[in-house]
C-alpha atoms as a PDB file:
ATOM      1  CA  MET A   1       0.000   0.000   0.000  1.00  0.00           C
ATOM      2  CA  ILE A   2       1.308   3.455  -0.935  1.00  0.00           C
ATOM      3  CA  LYS A   3       1.538   5.927   1.904  1.00  0.00           C
ATOM      4  CA  LYS A   4       0.206   9.481   1.507  1.00  0.00           C
ATOM      5  CA  ALA A   5       3.768  10.855   1.766  1.00  0.00           C
ATOM      6  CA  ASP A   6       4.757   8.758  -1.256  1.00  0.00           C
ATOM      7  CA  GLU A   7       1.991  10.444  -3.309  1.00  0.00           C
ATOM      8  CA  SER A   8       3.390  13.881  -2.523  1.00  0.00           C
ATOM      9  CA  PHE A   9       5.938  15.747  -4.618  1.00  0.00           C
ATOM     10  CA  GLY A  10       8.667  15.002  -2.079  1.00  0.00           C
ATOM     11  CA  GLY A  11       7.731  11.322  -2.034  1.00  0.00           C
ATOM     12  CA  ARG A  12       7.934  11.126  -5.825  1.00  0.00           C
ATOM     13  CA  ILE A  13      11.357  12.797  -5.779  1.00  0.00           C
ATOM     14  CA  ARG A  14      12.623  10.388  -3.094  1.00  0.00           C
ATOM     15  CA  ARG A  15      11.277   7.340  -4.988  1.00  0.00           C
ATOM     16  CA  LEU A  16      12.838   8.539  -8.243  1.00  0.00           C
ATOM     17  CA  ARG A  17      16.183   9.237  -6.560  1.00  0.00           C
ATOM     18  CA  GLU A  18      16.188   5.809  -4.897  1.00  0.00           C
ATOM     19  CA  ALA A  19      15.108   4.046  -8.117  1.00  0.00           C
ATOM     20  CA  LYS A  20      18.059   5.624  -9.899  1.00  0.00           C
ATOM     21  CA  GLY A  21      20.399   4.648  -7.054  1.00  0.00           C
ATOM     22  CA  ILE A  22      21.388   8.244  -6.286  1.00  0.00           C
ATOM     23  CA  SER A  23      22.279   9.202  -2.721  1.00  0.00           C
ATOM     24  CA  LEU A  24      21.241  12.543  -1.231  1.00  0.00           C
ATOM     25  CA  GLU A  25      24.936  13.485  -1.142  1.00  0.00           C
ATOM     26  CA  THR A  26      25.344  12.757  -4.863  1.00  0.00           C
ATOM     27  CA  LEU A  27      22.133  14.627  -5.662  1.00  0.00           C
ATOM     28  CA  SER A  28      23.438  17.547  -3.603  1.00  0.00           C
ATOM     29  CA  HIS A  29      26.684  17.534  -5.567  1.00  0.00           C
ATOM     30  CA  ASP A  30      24.880  17.266  -8.936  1.00  0.00           C
ATOM     31  CA  THR A  31      22.353  20.036  -8.207  1.00  0.00           C
ATOM     32  CA  GLY A  32      24.385  22.399  -6.034  1.00  0.00           C
ATOM     33  CA  TYR A  33      21.731  22.332  -3.296  1.00  0.00           C
ATOM     34  CA  THR A  34      22.494  21.235   0.263  1.00  0.00           C
ATOM     35  CA  VAL A  35      21.619  17.766   1.527  1.00  0.00           C
ATOM     36  CA  LYS A  36      19.502  19.431   4.227  1.00  0.00           C
ATOM     37  CA  PHE A  37      17.492  21.413   1.638  1.00  0.00           C
ATOM     38  CA  LEU A  38      16.935  18.341  -0.562  1.00  0.00           C
ATOM     39  CA  LYS A  39      15.876  16.290   2.451  1.00  0.00           C
ATOM     40  CA  GLU A  40      13.355  18.991   3.411  1.00  0.00           C
ATOM     41  CA  ILE A  41      11.928  18.794  -0.127  1.00  0.00           C
ATOM     42  CA  GLU A  42      11.663  15.000   0.049  1.00  0.00           C
ATOM     43  CA  GLU A  43       9.953  15.273   3.441  1.00  0.00           C
ATOM     44  CA  ASP A  44       7.566  17.925   2.048  1.00  0.00           C
ATOM     45  CA  LYS A  45       8.773  20.441   4.616  1.00  0.00           C
ATOM     46  CA  THR A  46       9.889  22.867   1.904  1.00  0.00           C
ATOM     47  CA  PRO A  47       8.047  23.386  -1.385  1.00  0.00           C
ATOM     48  CA  PRO A  48      10.690  23.581  -4.122  1.00  0.00           C
ATOM     49  CA  PRO A  49      10.984  26.695  -6.279  1.00  0.00           C
ATOM     50  CA  VAL A  50      10.507  26.177 -10.005  1.00  0.00           C
ATOM     51  CA  ALA A  51      14.265  26.405 -10.638  1.00  0.00           C
ATOM     52  CA  VAL A  52      14.860  23.475  -8.248  1.00  0.00           C
ATOM     53  CA  VAL A  53      12.202  21.350  -9.974  1.00  0.00           C
ATOM     54  CA  LEU A  54      13.835  22.076 -13.339  1.00  0.00           C
ATOM     55  CA  GLN A  55      17.274  21.169 -11.975  1.00  0.00           C
ATOM     56  CA  LEU A  56      15.950  17.910 -10.496  1.00  0.00           C
ATOM     57  CA  GLY A  57      14.359  17.051 -13.849  1.00  0.00           C
ATOM     58  CA  ARG A  58      17.716  17.612 -15.583  1.00  0.00           C
ATOM     59  CA  VAL A  59      19.663  15.525 -13.065  1.00  0.00           C
ATOM     60  CA  PHE A  60      17.133  12.673 -13.186  1.00  0.00           C
ATOM     61  CA  LYS A  61      16.867  13.060 -16.988  1.00  0.00           C
ATOM     62  CA  VAL A  62      13.067  13.194 -16.867  1.00  0.00           C
ATOM     63  CA  ASP A  63      10.494  15.671 -18.135  1.00  0.00           C
ATOM     64  CA  VAL A  64       9.279  17.864 -15.298  1.00  0.00           C
ATOM     65  CA  ASP A  65       5.738  16.693 -16.092  1.00  0.00           C
ATOM     66  CA  GLN A  66       6.738  13.239 -14.828  1.00  0.00           C
ATOM     67  CA  LEU A  67       7.357  14.766 -11.414  1.00  0.00           C
ATOM     68  CA  GLN A  68       3.787  16.037 -11.198  1.00  0.00           C
ATOM     69  CA  GLU A  69       0.606  14.173 -10.269  1.00  0.00           C
ATOM     70  CA  ASN A  70      -2.310  14.069 -12.702  1.00  0.00           C
ATOM     71  CA  ARG A  71      -4.211  16.733 -10.748  1.00  0.00           C
ATOM     72  CA  GLU A  72      -1.101  18.937 -10.849  1.00  0.00           C
ATOM     73  CA  LYS A  73      -0.861  18.365 -14.609  1.00  0.00           C
ATOM     74  CA  GLU A  74      -4.529  19.345 -15.026  1.00  0.00           C
ATOM     75  CA  ALA A  75      -3.968  22.486 -12.948  1.00  0.00           C
ATOM     76  CA  ALA A  76      -0.940  23.301 -15.117  1.00  0.00           C
ATOM     77  CA  LYS A  77      -3.080  22.931 -18.257  1.00  0.00           C
ATOM     78  CA  ARG A  78      -5.620  25.370 -16.797  1.00  0.00           C
ATOM     79  CA  ARG A  79      -2.841  27.836 -15.970  1.00  0.00           C
ATOM     80  CA  ARG A  80      -1.477  27.584 -19.498  1.00  0.00           C
ATOM     81  CA  ALA A  81      -4.966  28.178 -20.883  1.00  0.00           C
ATOM     82  CA  SER A  82      -5.207  31.359 -18.843  1.00  0.00           C
ATOM     83  CA  HIS A  83      -2.082  32.586 -20.575  1.00  0.00           C
ATOM     84  CA  ARG A  84      -3.715  32.134 -23.957  1.00  0.00           C
ATOM     85  CA  LYS A  85      -6.035  34.916 -22.796  1.00  0.00           C
ATOM     86  CA  ARG A  86      -3.002  37.173 -22.526  1.00  0.00           C
ATOM     87  CA  VAL A  87      -2.297  37.037 -26.248  1.00  0.00           C
ATOM     88  CA  SER A  88      -5.805  38.240 -27.016  1.00  0.00           C
ATOM     89  CA  SER A  89      -5.050  41.399 -25.039  1.00  0.00           C
ATOM     90  CA  TYR A  90      -4.015  44.377 -27.150  1.00  0.00           C
ATOM     91  CA  ALA A  91      -0.932  44.898 -24.997  1.00  0.00           C
ATOM     92  CA  TYR A  92       0.610  41.429 -25.315  1.00  0.00           C
ATOM     93  CA  THR A  93       2.669  40.419 -28.329  1.00  0.00           C
ATOM     94  CA  PRO A  94       3.884  36.809 -28.020  1.00  0.00           C
ATOM     95  CA  LEU A  95       7.595  36.347 -28.707  1.00  0.00           C
ATOM     96  CA  THR A  96       7.695  32.576 -28.293  1.00  0.00           C
ATOM     97  CA  ALA A  97       6.163  29.978 -30.563  1.00  0.00           C
ATOM     98  CA  PRO A  98       2.908  28.509 -29.269  1.00  0.00           C
ATOM     99  CA  GLY A  99       2.922  25.007 -27.878  1.00  0.00           C
ATOM    100  CA  LYS A 100       0.609  23.223 -25.501  1.00  0.00           C
ATOM    101  CA  ASP A 101       3.482  21.822 -23.433  1.00  0.00           C
ATOM    102  CA  LYS A 102       5.708  24.899 -23.402  1.00  0.00           C
ATOM    103  CA  HIS A 103       6.658  26.077 -19.932  1.00  0.00           C
ATOM    104  CA  LEU A 104       8.443  29.292 -20.884  1.00  0.00           C
ATOM    105  CA  ARG A 105       6.511  32.154 -22.488  1.00  0.00           C
ATOM    106  CA  ALA A 106       7.887  35.523 -23.557  1.00  0.00           C
ATOM    107  CA  TYR A 107       5.831  38.602 -24.408  1.00  0.00           C
ATOM    108  CA  ARG A 108       6.387  42.187 -25.431  1.00  0.00           C
ATOM    109  CA  VAL A 109       3.945  44.221 -23.340  1.00  0.00           C
ATOM    110  CA  THR A 110       2.931  47.812 -24.043  1.00  0.00           C
ATOM    111  CA  ILE A 111       1.369  50.061 -21.414  1.00  0.00           C
ATOM    112  CA  ASP A 112      -0.048  53.439 -22.440  1.00  0.00           C
ATOM    113  CA  PRO A 113       1.200  56.600 -20.698  1.00  0.00           C
ATOM    114  CA  GLU A 114      -0.079  57.302 -17.194  1.00  0.00           C
ATOM    115  CA  THR A 115      -2.289  54.207 -17.085  1.00  0.00           C
ATOM    116  CA  GLU A 116      -2.670  51.051 -15.078  1.00  0.00           C
ATOM    117  CA  HIS A 117      -2.106  47.935 -17.155  1.00  0.00           C
ATOM    118  CA  GLU A 118      -5.300  46.010 -17.828  1.00  0.00           C
ATOM    119  CA  GLY A 119      -3.851  42.556 -18.167  1.00  0.00           C
ATOM    120  CA  VAL A 120      -5.261  39.121 -17.565  1.00  0.00           C
ATOM    121  CA  GLU A 121      -4.712  36.692 -14.684  1.00  0.00           C
ATOM    122  CA  TYR A 122      -2.780  38.870 -12.265  1.00  0.00           C
ATOM    123  CA  HIS A 123      -1.545  35.915 -10.301  1.00  0.00           C
ATOM    124  CA  HIS A 124      -0.684  32.435 -11.447  1.00  0.00           C
ATOM    125  CA  GLU A 125       1.753  29.748 -10.423  1.00  0.00           C
ATOM    126  CA  GLY A 126       5.263  30.042 -11.722  1.00  0.00           C
ATOM    127  CA  GLU A 127       7.869  32.731 -11.966  1.00  0.00           C
ATOM    128  CA  GLU A 128       7.878  35.984 -13.886  1.00  0.00           C
ATOM    129  CA  PHE A 129      10.688  38.185 -15.139  1.00  0.00           C
ATOM    130  CA  ILE A 130      10.020  41.752 -16.301  1.00  0.00           C
ATOM    131  CA  TYR A 131      12.580  43.877 -18.150  1.00  0.00           C
ATOM    132  CA  VAL A 132      11.793  47.504 -19.031  1.00  0.00           C
ATOM    133  CA  LEU A 133      12.724  48.074 -22.677  1.00  0.00           C
ATOM    134  CA  GLN A 134      11.474  51.668 -22.751  1.00  0.00           C
ATOM    135  CA  GLY A 135       9.747  54.027 -20.337  1.00  0.00           C
ATOM    136  CA  GLY A 136       9.018  53.461 -16.684  1.00  0.00           C
ATOM    137  CA  LEU A 137       7.048  50.995 -14.612  1.00  0.00           C
ATOM    138  CA  THR A 138       5.538  50.823 -11.177  1.00  0.00           C
ATOM    139  CA  ILE A 139       4.925  47.238 -10.132  1.00  0.00           C
ATOM    140  CA  SER A 140       3.235  46.009  -6.980  1.00  0.00           C
ATOM    141  CA  VAL A 141       3.945  42.388  -6.051  1.00  0.00           C
ATOM    142  CA  GLY A 142       2.080  41.336  -2.942  1.00  0.00           C
ATOM    143  CA  GLN A 143       2.715  44.154  -0.444  1.00  0.00           C
ATOM    144  CA  ASN A 144       5.912  45.425  -2.152  1.00  0.00           C
ATOM    145  CA  THR A 145       6.021  48.188  -4.747  1.00  0.00           C
ATOM    146  CA  SER A 146       8.995  48.836  -7.047  1.00  0.00           C
ATOM    147  CA  LYS A 147       9.705  51.526  -9.624  1.00  0.00           C
ATOM    148  CA  LEU A 148      11.725  50.467 -12.651  1.00  0.00           C
ATOM    149  CA  LYS A 149      13.301  52.532 -15.430  1.00  0.00           C
ATOM    150  CA  THR A 150      14.582  51.579 -18.875  1.00  0.00           C
ATOM    151  CA  GLY A 151      17.135  48.778 -18.561  1.00  0.00           C
ATOM    152  CA  GLN A 152      15.986  47.621 -15.114  1.00  0.00           C
ATOM    153  CA  SER A 153      14.332  44.306 -14.311  1.00  0.00           C
ATOM    154  CA  LEU A 154      12.493  42.395 -11.612  1.00  0.00           C
ATOM    155  CA  SER A 155      11.924  38.683 -11.073  1.00  0.00           C
ATOM    156  CA  PHE A 156       9.232  37.382  -8.722  1.00  0.00           C
ATOM    157  CA  ASP A 157       6.979  34.505  -7.730  1.00  0.00           C
ATOM    158  CA  SER A 158       3.958  35.119  -9.934  1.00  0.00           C
ATOM    159  CA  SER A 159       1.588  33.316  -7.576  1.00  0.00           C
ATOM    160  CA  LEU A 160       1.657  36.596  -5.645  1.00  0.00           C
ATOM    161  CA  SER A 161      -0.888  39.125  -6.823  1.00  0.00           C
ATOM    162  CA  HIS A 162       0.830  41.725  -9.020  1.00  0.00           C
ATOM    163  CA  LYS A 163      -0.199  44.911 -10.802  1.00  0.00           C
ATOM    164  CA  LEU A 164       1.662  47.008 -13.376  1.00  0.00           C
ATOM    165  CA  SER A 165       1.242  50.690 -14.138  1.00  0.00           C
ATOM    166  CA  ASN A 166       2.995  53.257 -16.287  1.00  0.00           C
ATOM    167  CA  PRO A 167       3.566  56.492 -14.326  1.00  0.00           C
ATOM    168  CA  THR A 168       5.373  58.226 -17.218  1.00  0.00           C
ATOM    169  CA  ARG A 169       4.102  60.408 -20.049  1.00  0.00           C
ATOM    170  CA  GLN A 170       5.471  58.070 -22.699  1.00  0.00           C
ATOM    171  CA  LYS A 171       4.510  54.562 -23.766  1.00  0.00           C
ATOM    172  CA  THR A 172       6.224  51.852 -21.707  1.00  0.00           C
ATOM    173  CA  GLU A 173       7.419  48.660 -23.383  1.00  0.00           C
ATOM    174  CA  LEU A 174       8.368  45.580 -21.415  1.00  0.00           C
ATOM    175  CA  LEU A 175       9.845  42.167 -22.047  1.00  0.00           C
ATOM    176  CA  VAL A 176       7.887  39.761 -19.850  1.00  0.00           C
ATOM    177  CA  VAL A 177       9.047  36.166 -19.505  1.00  0.00           C
ATOM    178  CA  ILE A 178       6.786  33.766 -17.635  1.00  0.00           C
ATOM    179  CA  TYR A 179       7.655  30.266 -16.495  1.00  0.00           C
ATOM    180  CA  LEU A 180       4.635  28.025 -16.007  1.00  0.00           C
ATOM    181  CA  PRO A 181       5.184  24.749 -14.168  1.00  0.00           C
END
């Protein structure tokens, strides 16, 4: 009988590591993460950031989708569908080729002068990177607000609610890269 812990993300990682005959020490060496951190992930004490999941997939030589349960895969499909809404917005120009299993999406986003951006899905699982190509940006992520100028960037956990606005008198253009698990 499978225990609940074995159905968890950490349990799947531990089973995969053991099936491949990899010790925690070897996994630590191969990923650059501490044994303590990896053990906390396997024990479901620490949810892994997206970058860690990607690194584990590379080390185990498996698609990241194999590390997810079916309900997680279905949730990921719903999240990806929400991003299709983004491309229907006037402000989003997709820079990456479409693909139902793509995890990385890049957009060129335009925000009119002195306006709040009217985007879609202002929080979603994954990570987001914003680079200001031209103009200025005020971005609120959770309780934190940052002001960015041309050439500046910000990376954040996009599961936190976030809002963008253009405080300048010129059009703001952004490069937005989103990683969807």
